[in-house]
Protein backbone atom coordinates (compact mmCIF):
# COMPACT_ATOMS: atom_id res chain seq x y z
CA MET A 1 -7.76 14.65 -8.90
CA ILE A 2 -5.54 15.14 -11.93
CA ILE A 3 -1.93 13.99 -11.74
CA LYS A 4 0.04 16.80 -13.36
CA SER A 5 3.57 15.80 -12.37
CA THR A 6 5.45 12.87 -10.88
CA ALA A 7 9.05 12.69 -9.78
CA PHE A 8 11.12 10.04 -8.07
CA ILE A 9 12.84 11.76 -5.15
CA LYS A 10 14.85 9.07 -3.36
CA SER A 11 15.12 5.57 -1.96
CA SER A 12 15.91 5.24 1.72
CA SER A 13 17.09 2.23 3.68
CA SER A 14 15.87 3.77 6.95
CA CYS A 15 13.50 6.45 8.14
CA SER A 16 16.39 8.75 9.05
CA GLU A 17 17.31 8.93 5.34
CA CYS A 18 13.80 9.90 4.19
CA PRO A 19 13.09 13.39 2.79
CA THR A 20 12.72 16.10 5.40
CA ASN A 21 9.99 18.00 3.52
CA ASP A 22 6.96 18.52 5.73
CA ILE A 23 4.33 17.60 3.14
CA PRO A 24 1.61 14.91 3.29
CA GLU A 25 2.69 11.33 2.73
CA PHE A 26 0.42 8.58 1.46
CA ALA A 27 1.95 5.19 2.16
CA PHE A 28 1.32 2.08 0.04
CA ILE A 29 2.14 -1.28 1.57
CA GLY A 30 1.20 -4.94 1.23
CA ARG A 31 2.54 -8.45 0.93
CA SER A 32 5.08 -9.20 -1.75
CA ASN A 33 3.55 -9.72 -5.21
CA VAL A 34 0.26 -8.01 -4.28
CA GLY A 35 0.57 -5.67 -7.27
CA LYS A 36 1.79 -2.56 -5.48
CA SER A 37 4.11 -1.28 -8.21
CA SER A 38 1.47 -1.89 -10.89
CA LEU A 39 -1.10 0.01 -8.83
CA ILE A 40 1.26 2.96 -8.30
CA ASN A 41 1.96 3.14 -12.03
CA MET A 42 -1.77 2.92 -12.78
CA LEU A 43 -2.57 5.74 -10.32
CA THR A 44 0.07 8.01 -11.83
CA LEU A 45 -0.60 6.89 -15.43
CA THR A 46 3.06 6.02 -15.89
CA LYS A 47 4.72 2.79 -16.89
CA LYS A 48 8.00 3.01 -15.06
CA LEU A 49 7.58 5.21 -11.97
CA ALA A 50 7.56 2.15 -9.71
CA LYS A 51 9.71 -0.70 -10.95
CA ILE A 52 7.76 -3.88 -11.59
CA SER A 53 9.57 -7.14 -11.08
CA GLY A 54 8.61 -10.74 -11.71
CA ASN A 55 10.49 -11.56 -8.54
CA PRO A 56 8.54 -10.84 -5.33
CA GLY A 57 10.37 -9.00 -2.58
CA LYS A 58 12.08 -6.60 -4.98
CA THR A 59 11.25 -3.44 -3.01
CA LEU A 60 13.58 -3.39 0.00
CA LEU A 61 13.70 0.38 0.39
CA ILE A 62 11.35 3.25 1.23
CA ASN A 63 10.70 4.99 -2.11
CA HIS A 64 9.42 8.56 -2.18
CA PHE A 65 7.67 9.93 -5.26
CA LEU A 66 6.62 13.58 -5.35
CA ILE A 67 3.19 14.00 -6.94
CA ASN A 68 1.91 17.38 -8.20
CA LYS A 69 4.73 18.95 -6.19
CA ASN A 70 2.59 18.85 -3.05
CA TRP A 71 2.33 15.27 -1.74
CA PHE A 72 4.43 12.15 -1.49
CA LEU A 73 3.41 8.73 -2.66
CA VAL A 74 5.50 6.37 -0.55
CA ASP A 75 6.21 2.86 -1.80
CA LEU A 76 7.14 0.66 1.16
CA PRO A 77 8.81 -2.77 1.11
CA GLY A 78 6.52 -5.74 0.58
CA TYR A 79 6.33 -8.13 3.50
CA GLY A 80 5.71 -11.84 3.90
CA TYR A 81 7.80 -13.24 1.05
CA ALA A 82 8.78 -16.78 2.02
CA LYS A 83 11.89 -17.13 -0.14
CA ILE A 84 14.10 -14.61 1.61
CA SER A 85 16.27 -15.16 4.66
CA LYS A 86 15.13 -14.51 8.23
CA LYS A 87 17.67 -11.71 8.37
CA GLU A 88 16.12 -9.98 5.34
CA LYS A 89 12.61 -10.48 6.79
CA ARG A 90 13.71 -8.84 10.05
CA LYS A 91 15.26 -5.99 8.09
CA ILE A 92 12.02 -5.37 6.18
CA LYS A 93 9.97 -5.57 9.39
CA ASN A 94 12.27 -3.05 11.10
CA ILE A 95 12.11 -0.65 8.11
CA ILE A 96 8.29 -0.78 8.17
CA ILE A 97 7.98 -0.32 11.94
CA ASP A 98 10.57 2.47 11.87
CA TYR A 99 8.68 4.28 9.11
CA PHE A 100 5.28 4.13 10.79
CA THR A 101 6.52 5.00 14.26
CA SER A 102 8.92 7.78 13.23
CA ARG A 103 7.32 9.73 10.38
CA SER A 104 5.08 12.55 11.55
CA ASN A 105 3.54 13.49 8.19
CA ILE A 106 1.90 10.18 7.21
CA THR A 107 -1.57 11.29 6.18
CA LEU A 108 -3.07 7.96 5.14
CA THR A 109 -1.92 4.40 4.61
CA PHE A 110 -3.22 2.13 1.88
CA LEU A 111 -2.89 -1.56 2.67
CA LEU A 112 -3.06 -3.66 -0.49
CA VAL A 113 -4.61 -7.12 -0.46
CA ASP A 114 -5.00 -9.55 -3.40
CA ILE A 115 -8.76 -10.04 -3.74
CA ARG A 116 -8.31 -13.59 -5.02
CA HIS A 117 -7.01 -14.89 -1.69
CA ASN A 118 -8.70 -15.63 1.59
CA PRO A 119 -7.55 -13.48 4.54
CA GLN A 120 -3.91 -14.16 5.36
CA GLN A 121 -2.88 -14.02 9.00
CA ILE A 122 0.11 -11.80 8.25
CA ASP A 123 -2.21 -9.17 6.72
CA LEU A 124 -4.71 -9.42 9.56
CA GLU A 125 -1.97 -9.01 12.15
CA PHE A 126 -0.59 -5.99 10.32
CA MET A 127 -4.04 -4.37 10.24
CA ASP A 128 -4.35 -5.00 13.97
CA TRP A 129 -0.92 -3.41 14.51
CA LEU A 130 -1.87 -0.34 12.45
CA ASN A 131 -5.14 0.00 14.36
CA LYS A 132 -3.47 -0.36 17.77
CA ASN A 133 -0.94 2.30 16.80
CA ASN A 134 -3.70 4.69 15.66
CA ILE A 135 -2.49 4.69 12.06
CA ASP A 136 -5.28 5.61 9.68
CA PHE A 137 -5.52 3.04 6.89
CA LYS A 138 -7.78 1.95 4.06
CA LEU A 139 -7.79 -1.38 2.26
CA ILE A 140 -7.24 -1.63 -1.47
CA PHE A 141 -8.25 -4.96 -2.95
CA THR A 142 -6.06 -5.51 -6.01
CA LYS A 143 -6.38 -7.67 -9.15
CA ASP A 144 -10.13 -7.19 -9.54
CA ASP A 145 -9.88 -8.22 -13.21
CA LYS A 146 -8.80 -11.74 -12.22
CA LEU A 147 -12.27 -12.66 -10.86
CA LYS A 148 -15.91 -12.17 -11.81
CA ILE A 149 -17.56 -9.00 -10.45
CA SER A 150 -19.99 -11.03 -8.33
CA GLU A 151 -17.10 -12.97 -6.80
CA ASN A 152 -15.17 -9.79 -5.99
CA GLU A 153 -17.98 -8.19 -3.97
CA LYS A 154 -18.51 -11.42 -2.02
CA LYS A 155 -14.78 -11.85 -1.39
CA ALA A 156 -14.43 -8.26 -0.17
CA THR A 157 -17.47 -8.56 2.12
CA ASN A 158 -16.24 -11.84 3.61
CA TYR A 159 -12.80 -10.32 4.12
CA ILE A 160 -14.19 -7.35 6.05
CA GLU A 161 -16.33 -9.70 8.17
CA THR A 162 -13.24 -11.73 9.07
CA ILE A 163 -11.39 -8.58 10.15
CA TYR A 164 -14.34 -7.50 12.28
CA LYS A 165 -14.66 -10.91 13.94
CA GLN A 166 -10.99 -10.90 14.93
CA PHE A 167 -10.33 -7.25 15.76
CA LEU A 168 -13.70 -5.45 15.87
CA ILE A 169 -12.65 -3.03 13.15
CA LYS A 170 -14.23 -2.44 9.72
CA PRO A 171 -11.76 -0.62 7.47
CA GLU A 172 -13.07 1.20 4.42
CA PHE A 173 -12.04 -0.48 1.20
CA ILE A 174 -11.69 0.13 -2.52
CA ILE A 175 -11.68 -2.62 -5.15
CA SER A 176 -9.10 -1.95 -7.84
CA SER A 177 -7.49 -3.26 -10.99
CA SER A 178 -4.25 -1.96 -12.46
CA LYS A 179 -5.28 -3.45 -15.80
CA THR A 180 -8.72 -1.79 -16.11
CA LYS A 181 -7.92 1.25 -13.88
CA LYS A 182 -10.87 0.38 -11.66
CA GLY A 183 -10.67 2.23 -8.35
CA ARG A 184 -8.26 4.87 -9.63
CA GLU A 185 -10.58 7.85 -9.22
CA LYS A 186 -11.78 6.68 -5.80
CA ILE A 187 -8.22 6.34 -4.50
CA LEU A 188 -7.11 9.69 -5.91
CA ASN A 189 -10.23 11.47 -4.64
CA LEU A 190 -9.58 10.03 -1.19
CA ILE A 191 -6.02 11.37 -1.31
CA PHE A 192 -7.21 14.75 -2.57
CA SER A 193 -9.72 15.01 0.29
CA LYS A 194 -6.86 14.66 2.79
CA ILE A 195 -4.43 17.21 1.31
């Protein structure tokens, strides 16, 4: 897939404020500081489409970007950041649940996971929630360039085995790097196949 055009459409604090266009949406979500904004900018070959911050928990809104004038890339709030209040955590959780239970045109969800870390319970529980709610999702392991290739494959395999042991599901996954653009074509081809 070739990205011909990108446009920021709007930020929404709730699902009711989201665009009403009935076009496919591809949602990107993950824990705070997983590299979501960097990945979005790498996919679209832009530097500033998604704002990158050194402070985790920056994205507190649902951000819609129109790609090639025929699908939305949706940047959702990062979850699991410890240094925000319980009230803000509840707000983020409610925004996420509202989005996934209210939007009818979500075509595919990409759940981002930092490949350097062992499985985190908050990610595993979110995968289980997506699965139980029949929400189609794929895993994207981020920050591939931070480890050796041999380590990455082993980490990814162990991660999938952990998910299977707990929830009897084996999500498809793509290993990516915003720095080297690894995984870009695979992710875009997957999106293209769904449009």
